[in-house]
Amino acid sequence: MARPFQIASYNILANSYVNPQWYPFTDPEILKWEERKAALNRKIESFGADIIYLQEVESDAYALFEYTLRKEGYSGIYAPKANNRPDGCATFFRQGNLRFEGSNTIYFNDTEEAANSGHVALILSFASGLGTLRVTNTHLKWDNETKPKEEHAGYRQIKELVDNHIKPDSLAHAWIVCGDFNAQLGSPVIEKLLVNGFEDAYRGNEQNTCNSNRRAKRIDYIFHTGNLRSQPAKLRVIDNLTPLPSEVEPSDHLAIMAVCS
């Protein structure tokens, strides 16, 4: 790109999904929404990134973040999930060397035998010095990793995004795809992006981003096409027993960040 820009991606843990039994190492007081939302608001404001991708955002949380970030020069777009799901994806951006051109929300047509999951991909387009940049914010549905890939919900969603929206796009100069992929390196979900020309911003700097079910793992990603370069931010070290959320981390995921150019 003509000038570097910074991006951040963060699954904030929707209040609707909080069950104290799932977080045995976390003080129940910390899990209360009144406590977490203030901490989340401060943390997100501190990113200072040009584009901020958030997942598991409920409507009241979006209103709070939008109010705070608007004072810092940001605009925001919210894409709620369908099928009465309580949360969605939100992307905030501030105008600069990237000039906002529009957005598109994709509701995944990801099942055949049952109702669609309601999961979304929020795509924003920006004009840059070298052409159109499309940035995608998504939270793929979790599914059992032992399933054949064609039956795996997350794989079907990323396949739909790549095959139906990214590959046919002849106008974009570059793509970025960020979010919670509910998949680890080596999975068909991740391989689908890699074999289609995407690069992992944290390649060679892989770090765990959550420890759900007491298993530290990396399921949050920043991917970009090969005509971009990226420098990832270092993350806090977490293991199987690290309390998340905690007094210093208000979500059960860590925020990931990178400078792209």
C-alpha atoms as a PDB file:
ATOM      1  CA  MET A   1       0.000   0.000   0.000  1.00  0.00           C
ATOM      2  CA  ALA A   2       1.065   3.611  -0.365  1.00  0.00           C
ATOM      3  CA  ARG A   3       1.421   4.077   3.409  1.00  0.00           C
ATOM      4  CA  PRO A   4       1.388   1.606   6.327  1.00  0.00           C
ATOM      5  CA  PHE A   5      -1.803   1.178   8.328  1.00  0.00           C
ATOM      6  CA  GLN A   6      -2.559  -0.714  11.522  1.00  0.00           C
ATOM      7  CA  ILE A   7      -5.344  -3.237  12.067  1.00  0.00           C
ATOM      8  CA  ALA A   8      -6.650  -4.978  15.197  1.00  0.00           C
ATOM      9  CA  SER A   9      -8.983  -7.953  15.582  1.00  0.00           C
ATOM     10  CA  TYR A  10     -10.674  -8.923  18.847  1.00  0.00           C
ATOM     11  CA  ASN A  11     -13.354 -11.355  19.971  1.00  0.00           C
ATOM     12  CA  ILE A  12     -14.759  -9.486  22.975  1.00  0.00           C
ATOM     13  CA  LEU A  13     -16.880 -12.348  24.447  1.00  0.00           C
ATOM     14  CA  ALA A  14     -20.568 -11.532  24.196  1.00  0.00           C
ATOM     15  CA  ASN A  15     -22.259 -11.213  27.556  1.00  0.00           C
ATOM     16  CA  SER A  16     -24.956 -13.640  26.366  1.00  0.00           C
ATOM     17  CA  TYR A  17     -22.334 -16.386  26.143  1.00  0.00           C
ATOM     18  CA  VAL A  18     -20.867 -15.921  29.643  1.00  0.00           C
ATOM     19  CA  ASN A  19     -21.372 -18.863  31.984  1.00  0.00           C
ATOM     20  CA  PRO A  20     -19.280 -18.666  35.189  1.00  0.00           C
ATOM     21  CA  GLN A  21     -18.915 -22.466  35.208  1.00  0.00           C
ATOM     22  CA  TRP A  22     -16.887 -22.225  32.008  1.00  0.00           C
ATOM     23  CA  TYR A  23     -14.363 -19.870  33.620  1.00  0.00           C
ATOM     24  CA  PRO A  24     -13.285 -21.583  36.872  1.00  0.00           C
ATOM     25  CA  PHE A  25     -10.100 -19.501  37.193  1.00  0.00           C
ATOM     26  CA  THR A  26     -11.881 -16.166  36.828  1.00  0.00           C
ATOM     27  CA  ASP A  27     -13.368 -14.175  39.694  1.00  0.00           C
ATOM     28  CA  PRO A  28     -17.156 -14.099  39.062  1.00  0.00           C
ATOM     29  CA  GLU A  29     -17.137 -10.364  39.735  1.00  0.00           C
ATOM     30  CA  ILE A  30     -14.880  -9.845  36.716  1.00  0.00           C
ATOM     31  CA  LEU A  31     -17.375 -11.680  34.502  1.00  0.00           C
ATOM     32  CA  LYS A  32     -20.170  -9.235  35.266  1.00  0.00           C
ATOM     33  CA  TRP A  33     -21.024  -7.177  32.209  1.00  0.00           C
ATOM     34  CA  GLU A  34     -20.870  -3.866  34.041  1.00  0.00           C
ATOM     35  CA  GLU A  35     -17.252  -4.647  34.928  1.00  0.00           C
ATOM     36  CA  ARG A  36     -16.215  -6.059  31.569  1.00  0.00           C
ATOM     37  CA  LYS A  37     -17.828  -3.502  29.308  1.00  0.00           C
ATOM     38  CA  ALA A  38     -15.904  -0.625  30.885  1.00  0.00           C
ATOM     39  CA  ALA A  39     -12.643  -2.569  30.600  1.00  0.00           C
ATOM     40  CA  LEU A  40     -13.409  -3.559  27.006  1.00  0.00           C
ATOM     41  CA  ASN A  41     -14.220   0.023  26.103  1.00  0.00           C
ATOM     42  CA  ARG A  42     -10.879   1.229  27.473  1.00  0.00           C
ATOM     43  CA  LYS A  43      -8.944  -1.561  25.790  1.00  0.00           C
ATOM     44  CA  ILE A  44     -10.513  -1.058  22.365  1.00  0.00           C
ATOM     45  CA  GLU A  45      -9.980   2.700  22.566  1.00  0.00           C
ATOM     46  CA  SER A  46      -6.301   2.069  23.367  1.00  0.00           C
ATOM     47  CA  PHE A  47      -5.665   0.126  20.144  1.00  0.00           C
ATOM     48  CA  GLY A  48      -5.314   3.279  18.062  1.00  0.00           C
ATOM     49  CA  ALA A  49      -5.550   1.150  14.917  1.00  0.00           C
ATOM     50  CA  ASP A  50      -6.770   2.462  11.582  1.00  0.00           C
ATOM     51  CA  ILE A  51      -9.223  -0.457  11.295  1.00  0.00           C
ATOM     52  CA  ILE A  52     -10.642  -2.358  14.285  1.00  0.00           C
ATOM     53  CA  TYR A  53     -12.458  -5.670  13.772  1.00  0.00           C
ATOM     54  CA  LEU A  54     -14.620  -6.915  16.653  1.00  0.00           C
ATOM     55  CA  GLN A  55     -16.512 -10.198  17.021  1.00  0.00           C
ATOM     56  CA  GLU A  56     -19.253 -11.314  19.449  1.00  0.00           C
ATOM     57  CA  VAL A  57     -20.564  -7.752  19.655  1.00  0.00           C
ATOM     58  CA  GLU A  58     -24.069  -7.259  21.043  1.00  0.00           C
ATOM     59  CA  SER A  59     -26.080  -4.187  20.096  1.00  0.00           C
ATOM     60  CA  ASP A  60     -25.595  -2.393  23.429  1.00  0.00           C
ATOM     61  CA  ALA A  61     -21.851  -3.029  23.288  1.00  0.00           C
ATOM     62  CA  TYR A  62     -21.733  -1.643  19.756  1.00  0.00           C
ATOM     63  CA  ALA A  63     -23.531   1.513  20.890  1.00  0.00           C
ATOM     64  CA  LEU A  64     -21.004   2.009  23.683  1.00  0.00           C
ATOM     65  CA  PHE A  65     -17.952   1.460  21.480  1.00  0.00           C
ATOM     66  CA  GLU A  66     -19.387   3.606  18.695  1.00  0.00           C
ATOM     67  CA  TYR A  67     -19.977   6.481  21.121  1.00  0.00           C
ATOM     68  CA  THR A  68     -16.417   6.257  22.470  1.00  0.00           C
ATOM     69  CA  LEU A  69     -14.620   5.756  19.172  1.00  0.00           C
ATOM     70  CA  ARG A  70     -16.618   8.430  17.341  1.00  0.00           C
ATOM     71  CA  LYS A  71     -14.904  10.996  19.577  1.00  0.00           C
ATOM     72  CA  GLU A  72     -11.574   9.612  18.317  1.00  0.00           C
ATOM     73  CA  GLY A  73     -12.554  10.092  14.675  1.00  0.00           C
ATOM     74  CA  TYR A  74     -13.841   6.595  13.935  1.00  0.00           C
ATOM     75  CA  SER A  75     -16.916   5.484  12.019  1.00  0.00           C
ATOM     76  CA  GLY A  76     -18.444   2.071  12.587  1.00  0.00           C
ATOM     77  CA  ILE A  77     -20.547  -0.540  10.831  1.00  0.00           C
ATOM     78  CA  TYR A  78     -22.396  -3.303  12.651  1.00  0.00           C
ATOM     79  CA  ALA A  79     -23.563  -6.587  11.127  1.00  0.00           C
ATOM     80  CA  PRO A  80     -25.750  -8.588  13.549  1.00  0.00           C
ATOM     81  CA  LYS A  81     -26.014 -12.326  13.064  1.00  0.00           C
ATOM     82  CA  ALA A  82     -29.304 -13.733  11.800  1.00  0.00           C
ATOM     83  CA  ASN A  83     -31.648 -16.339  13.315  1.00  0.00           C
ATOM     84  CA  ASN A  84     -32.074 -14.477  16.604  1.00  0.00           C
ATOM     85  CA  ARG A  85     -28.399 -14.769  17.537  1.00  0.00           C
ATOM     86  CA  PRO A  86     -27.550 -12.106  20.158  1.00  0.00           C
ATOM     87  CA  ASP A  87     -24.286 -10.848  18.663  1.00  0.00           C
ATOM     88  CA  GLY A  88     -22.540  -9.904  15.456  1.00  0.00           C
ATOM     89  CA  CYS A  89     -19.436  -8.358  13.914  1.00  0.00           C
ATOM     90  CA  ALA A  90     -18.487  -4.684  14.097  1.00  0.00           C
ATOM     91  CA  THR A  91     -15.783  -2.885  12.157  1.00  0.00           C
ATOM     92  CA  PHE A  92     -14.527   0.587  13.047  1.00  0.00           C
ATOM     93  CA  PHE A  93     -12.293   2.712  10.849  1.00  0.00           C
ATOM     94  CA  ARG A  94     -10.976   6.218  10.572  1.00  0.00           C
ATOM     95  CA  GLN A  95     -10.434   8.077   7.351  1.00  0.00           C
ATOM     96  CA  GLY A  96      -6.856   8.717   6.314  1.00  0.00           C
ATOM     97  CA  ASN A  97      -4.816   7.238   3.530  1.00  0.00           C
ATOM     98  CA  LEU A  98      -7.573   4.604   3.370  1.00  0.00           C
ATOM     99  CA  ARG A  99     -10.835   6.162   2.129  1.00  0.00           C
ATOM    100  CA  PHE A 100     -14.033   4.282   2.894  1.00  0.00           C
ATOM    101  CA  GLU A 101     -16.092   3.331  -0.176  1.00  0.00           C
ATOM    102  CA  GLY A 102     -18.820   1.024   1.121  1.00  0.00           C
ATOM    103  CA  SER A 103     -19.722  -2.214   2.879  1.00  0.00           C
ATOM    104  CA  ASN A 104     -21.434  -5.518   2.245  1.00  0.00           C
ATOM    105  CA  THR A 105     -22.721  -8.096   4.731  1.00  0.00           C
ATOM    106  CA  ILE A 106     -22.638 -11.771   3.751  1.00  0.00           C
ATOM    107  CA  TYR A 107     -24.949 -14.165   5.582  1.00  0.00           C
ATOM    108  CA  PHE A 108     -23.435 -17.584   5.099  1.00  0.00           C
ATOM    109  CA  ASN A 109     -25.539 -20.172   3.304  1.00  0.00           C
ATOM    110  CA  ASP A 110     -23.651 -22.794   5.240  1.00  0.00           C
ATOM    111  CA  THR A 111     -25.945 -25.737   5.867  1.00  0.00           C
ATOM    112  CA  GLU A 112     -28.086 -28.058   3.847  1.00  0.00           C
ATOM    113  CA  GLU A 113     -29.899 -30.317   6.287  1.00  0.00           C
ATOM    114  CA  ALA A 114     -30.671 -27.657   8.925  1.00  0.00           C
ATOM    115  CA  ALA A 115     -31.284 -23.941   9.196  1.00  0.00           C
ATOM    116  CA  ASN A 116     -28.374 -21.638   8.404  1.00  0.00           C
ATOM    117  CA  SER A 117     -26.232 -20.661  11.365  1.00  0.00           C
ATOM    118  CA  GLY A 118     -26.791 -16.914  11.068  1.00  0.00           C
ATOM    119  CA  HIS A 119     -23.041 -16.242  10.969  1.00  0.00           C
ATOM    120  CA  VAL A 120     -21.822 -13.298   8.917  1.00  0.00           C
ATOM    121  CA  ALA A 121     -18.869 -11.818   7.097  1.00  0.00           C
ATOM    122  CA  LEU A 122     -18.726  -8.016   7.077  1.00  0.00           C
ATOM    123  CA  ILE A 123     -16.773  -6.715   4.074  1.00  0.00           C
ATOM    124  CA  LEU A 124     -15.631  -3.089   3.867  1.00  0.00           C
ATOM    125  CA  SER A 125     -14.026  -1.512   0.801  1.00  0.00           C
ATOM    126  CA  PHE A 126     -11.418   1.257   0.890  1.00  0.00           C
ATOM    127  CA  ALA A 127      -9.693   3.271  -1.803  1.00  0.00           C
ATOM    128  CA  SER A 128      -5.934   3.394  -1.354  1.00  0.00           C
ATOM    129  CA  GLY A 129      -2.971   4.721  -3.260  1.00  0.00           C
ATOM    130  CA  LEU A 130      -2.613   1.420  -5.112  1.00  0.00           C
ATOM    131  CA  GLY A 131      -6.255   0.479  -5.653  1.00  0.00           C
ATOM    132  CA  THR A 132      -9.242  -0.968  -3.830  1.00  0.00           C
ATOM    133  CA  LEU A 133      -8.642  -2.780  -0.548  1.00  0.00           C
ATOM    134  CA  ARG A 134     -11.346  -5.075   0.823  1.00  0.00           C
ATOM    135  CA  VAL A 135     -11.273  -5.992   4.509  1.00  0.00           C
ATOM    136  CA  THR A 136     -13.400  -8.791   5.940  1.00  0.00           C
ATOM    137  CA  ASN A 137     -14.418  -9.302   9.547  1.00  0.00           C
ATOM    138  CA  THR A 138     -15.905 -12.696  10.406  1.00  0.00           C
ATOM    139  CA  HIS A 139     -16.529 -15.185  13.196  1.00  0.00           C
ATOM    140  CA  LEU A 140     -16.739 -18.675  11.740  1.00  0.00           C
ATOM    141  CA  LYS A 141     -18.986 -21.245  13.368  1.00  0.00           C
ATOM    142  CA  TRP A 142     -17.323 -23.837  15.587  1.00  0.00           C
ATOM    143  CA  ASP A 143     -17.666 -27.431  14.484  1.00  0.00           C
ATOM    144  CA  ASN A 144     -16.085 -30.745  15.451  1.00  0.00           C
ATOM    145  CA  GLU A 145     -12.626 -30.881  13.871  1.00  0.00           C
ATOM    146  CA  THR A 146     -13.033 -34.608  13.171  1.00  0.00           C
ATOM    147  CA  LYS A 147     -15.806 -33.962  10.643  1.00  0.00           C
ATOM    148  CA  PRO A 148     -15.054 -34.382   6.927  1.00  0.00           C
ATOM    149  CA  LYS A 149     -14.286 -30.927   5.597  1.00  0.00           C
ATOM    150  CA  GLU A 150     -17.270 -30.752   3.264  1.00  0.00           C
ATOM    151  CA  GLU A 151     -19.539 -31.292   6.289  1.00  0.00           C
ATOM    152  CA  HIS A 152     -17.637 -28.915   8.574  1.00  0.00           C
ATOM    153  CA  ALA A 153     -19.546 -25.657   9.159  1.00  0.00           C
ATOM    154  CA  GLY A 154     -16.476 -23.431   9.406  1.00  0.00           C
ATOM    155  CA  TYR A 155     -14.948 -24.878   6.261  1.00  0.00           C
ATOM    156  CA  ARG A 156     -18.167 -24.405   4.327  1.00  0.00           C
ATOM    157  CA  GLN A 157     -18.321 -20.797   5.454  1.00  0.00           C
ATOM    158  CA  ILE A 158     -14.738 -19.936   4.495  1.00  0.00           C
ATOM    159  CA  LYS A 159     -15.184 -21.793   1.195  1.00  0.00           C
ATOM    160  CA  GLU A 160     -18.266 -19.705   0.440  1.00  0.00           C
ATOM    161  CA  LEU A 161     -16.394 -16.501   1.244  1.00  0.00           C
ATOM    162  CA  VAL A 162     -13.370 -17.409  -0.890  1.00  0.00           C
ATOM    163  CA  ASP A 163     -15.111 -19.056  -3.839  1.00  0.00           C
ATOM    164  CA  ASN A 164     -18.172 -16.795  -4.122  1.00  0.00           C
ATOM    165  CA  HIS A 165     -16.806 -13.399  -3.092  1.00  0.00           C
ATOM    166  CA  ILE A 166     -13.010 -13.195  -3.101  1.00  0.00           C
ATOM    167  CA  LYS A 167     -11.941 -15.222  -6.139  1.00  0.00           C
ATOM    168  CA  PRO A 168     -14.519 -13.694  -8.539  1.00  0.00           C
ATOM    169  CA  ASP A 169     -13.542 -10.151  -7.518  1.00  0.00           C
ATOM    170  CA  SER A 170     -11.419  -8.668 -10.277  1.00  0.00           C
ATOM    171  CA  LEU A 171     -11.586  -5.094  -8.972  1.00  0.00           C
ATOM    172  CA  ALA A 172      -9.830  -5.357  -5.619  1.00  0.00           C
ATOM    173  CA  HIS A 173      -6.086  -4.794  -5.423  1.00  0.00           C
ATOM    174  CA  ALA A 174      -5.817  -6.631  -2.094  1.00  0.00           C
ATOM    175  CA  TRP A 175      -7.867  -8.461   0.552  1.00  0.00           C
ATOM    176  CA  ILE A 176      -7.579  -8.810   4.320  1.00  0.00           C
ATOM    177  CA  VAL A 177      -9.615 -11.426   6.214  1.00  0.00           C
ATOM    178  CA  CYS A 178      -9.625 -11.209  10.020  1.00  0.00           C
ATOM    179  CA  GLY A 179     -11.483 -12.690  12.942  1.00  0.00           C
ATOM    180  CA  ASP A 180     -12.169 -15.721  15.092  1.00  0.00           C
ATOM    181  CA  PHE A 181     -11.917 -18.743  12.797  1.00  0.00           C
ATOM    182  CA  ASN A 182     -12.527 -21.425  15.456  1.00  0.00           C
ATOM    183  CA  ALA A 183      -9.805 -23.456  13.717  1.00  0.00           C
ATOM    184  CA  GLN A 184      -6.127 -24.140  14.185  1.00  0.00           C
ATOM    185  CA  LEU A 185      -3.196 -24.305  11.787  1.00  0.00           C
ATOM    186  CA  GLY A 186      -3.346 -27.381   9.587  1.00  0.00           C
ATOM    187  CA  SER A 187      -7.139 -27.477   9.542  1.00  0.00           C
ATOM    188  CA  PRO A 188      -9.047 -27.377   6.218  1.00  0.00           C
ATOM    189  CA  VAL A 189     -10.427 -23.972   7.262  1.00  0.00           C
ATOM    190  CA  ILE A 190      -6.968 -22.403   7.386  1.00  0.00           C
ATOM    191  CA  GLU A 191      -5.641 -24.352   4.411  1.00  0.00           C
ATOM    192  CA  LYS A 192      -8.474 -22.997   2.249  1.00  0.00           C
ATOM    193  CA  LEU A 193      -7.072 -19.492   2.657  1.00  0.00           C
ATOM    194  CA  LEU A 194      -3.425 -20.483   2.306  1.00  0.00           C
ATOM    195  CA  VAL A 195      -3.909 -22.397  -0.952  1.00  0.00           C
ATOM    196  CA  ASN A 196      -5.764 -19.413  -2.392  1.00  0.00           C
ATOM    197  CA  GLY A 197      -2.861 -17.011  -1.986  1.00  0.00           C
ATOM    198  CA  PHE A 198      -3.446 -15.637   1.505  1.00  0.00           C
ATOM    199  CA  GLU A 199      -0.620 -15.150   3.969  1.00  0.00           C
ATOM    200  CA  ASP A 200      -0.800 -15.446   7.741  1.00  0.00           C
ATOM    201  CA  ALA A 201       0.336 -12.189   9.372  1.00  0.00           C
ATOM    202  CA  TYR A 202       1.588 -14.175  12.373  1.00  0.00           C
ATOM    203  CA  ARG A 203       3.478 -16.796  10.370  1.00  0.00           C
ATOM    204  CA  GLY A 204       6.694 -17.529  12.235  1.00  0.00           C
ATOM    205  CA  ASN A 205       5.320 -15.625  15.245  1.00  0.00           C
ATOM    206  CA  GLU A 206       2.474 -17.977  16.130  1.00  0.00           C
ATOM    207  CA  GLN A 207       1.063 -17.322  19.584  1.00  0.00           C
ATOM    208  CA  ASN A 208      -1.949 -18.657  21.485  1.00  0.00           C
ATOM    209  CA  THR A 209      -5.000 -16.396  21.429  1.00  0.00           C
ATOM    210  CA  CYS A 210      -7.388 -18.197  23.816  1.00  0.00           C
ATOM    211  CA  ASN A 211      -7.571 -21.186  26.162  1.00  0.00           C
ATOM    212  CA  SER A 212     -11.174 -22.341  26.071  1.00  0.00           C
ATOM    213  CA  ASN A 213     -11.774 -25.766  27.580  1.00  0.00           C
ATOM    214  CA  ARG A 214      -8.446 -25.323  29.408  1.00  0.00           C
ATOM    215  CA  ARG A 215      -6.472 -25.767  26.202  1.00  0.00           C
ATOM    216  CA  ALA A 216      -4.317 -22.897  24.984  1.00  0.00           C
ATOM    217  CA  LYS A 217      -4.604 -22.536  21.234  1.00  0.00           C
ATOM    218  CA  ARG A 218      -4.575 -20.111  18.356  1.00  0.00           C
ATOM    219  CA  ILE A 219      -7.896 -19.575  16.594  1.00  0.00           C
ATOM    220  CA  ASP A 220      -7.813 -15.811  15.833  1.00  0.00           C
ATOM    221  CA  TYR A 221      -6.102 -14.691  12.625  1.00  0.00           C
ATOM    222  CA  ILE A 222      -5.149 -11.869  10.305  1.00  0.00           C
ATOM    223  CA  PHE A 223      -4.812 -13.089   6.717  1.00  0.00           C
ATOM    224  CA  HIS A 224      -3.907 -10.933   3.735  1.00  0.00           C
ATOM    225  CA  THR A 225      -3.187 -11.434   0.063  1.00  0.00           C
ATOM    226  CA  GLY A 226       0.429 -11.726  -1.000  1.00  0.00           C
ATOM    227  CA  ASN A 227       0.658  -8.210  -2.381  1.00  0.00           C
ATOM    228  CA  LEU A 228       0.557  -6.859   1.192  1.00  0.00           C
ATOM    229  CA  ARG A 229       3.213  -7.089   3.871  1.00  0.00           C
ATOM    230  CA  SER A 230       2.536  -7.278   7.602  1.00  0.00           C
ATOM    231  CA  GLN A 231       4.317  -6.967  10.934  1.00  0.00           C
ATOM    232  CA  PRO A 232       2.377  -8.559  13.818  1.00  0.00           C
ATOM    233  CA  ALA A 233       2.261  -7.336  17.395  1.00  0.00           C
ATOM    234  CA  LYS A 234       3.556  -9.548  20.184  1.00  0.00           C
ATOM    235  CA  LEU A 235       0.877 -11.064  22.408  1.00  0.00           C
ATOM    236  CA  ARG A 236       0.705 -11.786  26.117  1.00  0.00           C
ATOM    237  CA  VAL A 237       1.823 -15.380  26.804  1.00  0.00           C
ATOM    238  CA  ILE A 238      -1.045 -17.611  27.954  1.00  0.00           C
ATOM    239  CA  ASP A 239      -1.188 -21.286  28.867  1.00  0.00           C
ATOM    240  CA  ASN A 240      -3.922 -23.791  29.721  1.00  0.00           C
ATOM    241  CA  LEU A 241      -4.495 -22.296  33.165  1.00  0.00           C
ATOM    242  CA  THR A 242      -4.169 -18.561  32.465  1.00  0.00           C
ATOM    243  CA  PRO A 243      -7.318 -16.832  33.764  1.00  0.00           C
ATOM    244  CA  LEU A 244      -9.322 -15.403  30.861  1.00  0.00           C
ATOM    245  CA  PRO A 245     -11.144 -13.099  31.331  1.00  0.00           C
ATOM    246  CA  SER A 246      -9.029 -11.487  34.045  1.00  0.00           C
ATOM    247  CA  GLU A 247      -8.301  -8.103  35.612  1.00  0.00           C
ATOM    248  CA  VAL A 248      -6.007  -7.285  32.686  1.00  0.00           C
ATOM    249  CA  GLU A 249      -7.818  -9.157  29.882  1.00  0.00           C
ATOM    250  CA  PRO A 250     -11.590  -8.504  29.767  1.00  0.00           C
ATOM    251  CA  SER A 251     -12.300 -11.219  27.167  1.00  0.00           C
ATOM    252  CA  ASP A 252     -11.539 -14.911  26.818  1.00  0.00           C
ATOM    253  CA  HIS A 253      -9.570 -14.063  23.661  1.00  0.00           C
ATOM    254  CA  LEU A 254      -6.525 -11.878  23.179  1.00  0.00           C
ATOM    255  CA  ALA A 255      -6.600  -9.017  20.695  1.00  0.00           C
ATOM    256  CA  ILE A 256      -4.314  -9.486  17.680  1.00  0.00           C
ATOM    257  CA  MET A 257      -2.759  -6.604  15.755  1.00  0.00           C
ATOM    258  CA  ALA A 258      -0.539  -5.978  12.762  1.00  0.00           C
ATOM    259  CA  VAL A 259       0.882  -3.134  10.689  1.00  0.00           C
ATOM    260  CA  CYS A 260       0.227  -3.688   6.977  1.00  0.00           C
ATOM    261  CA  SER A 261       1.747  -2.026   3.935  1.00  0.00           C
END
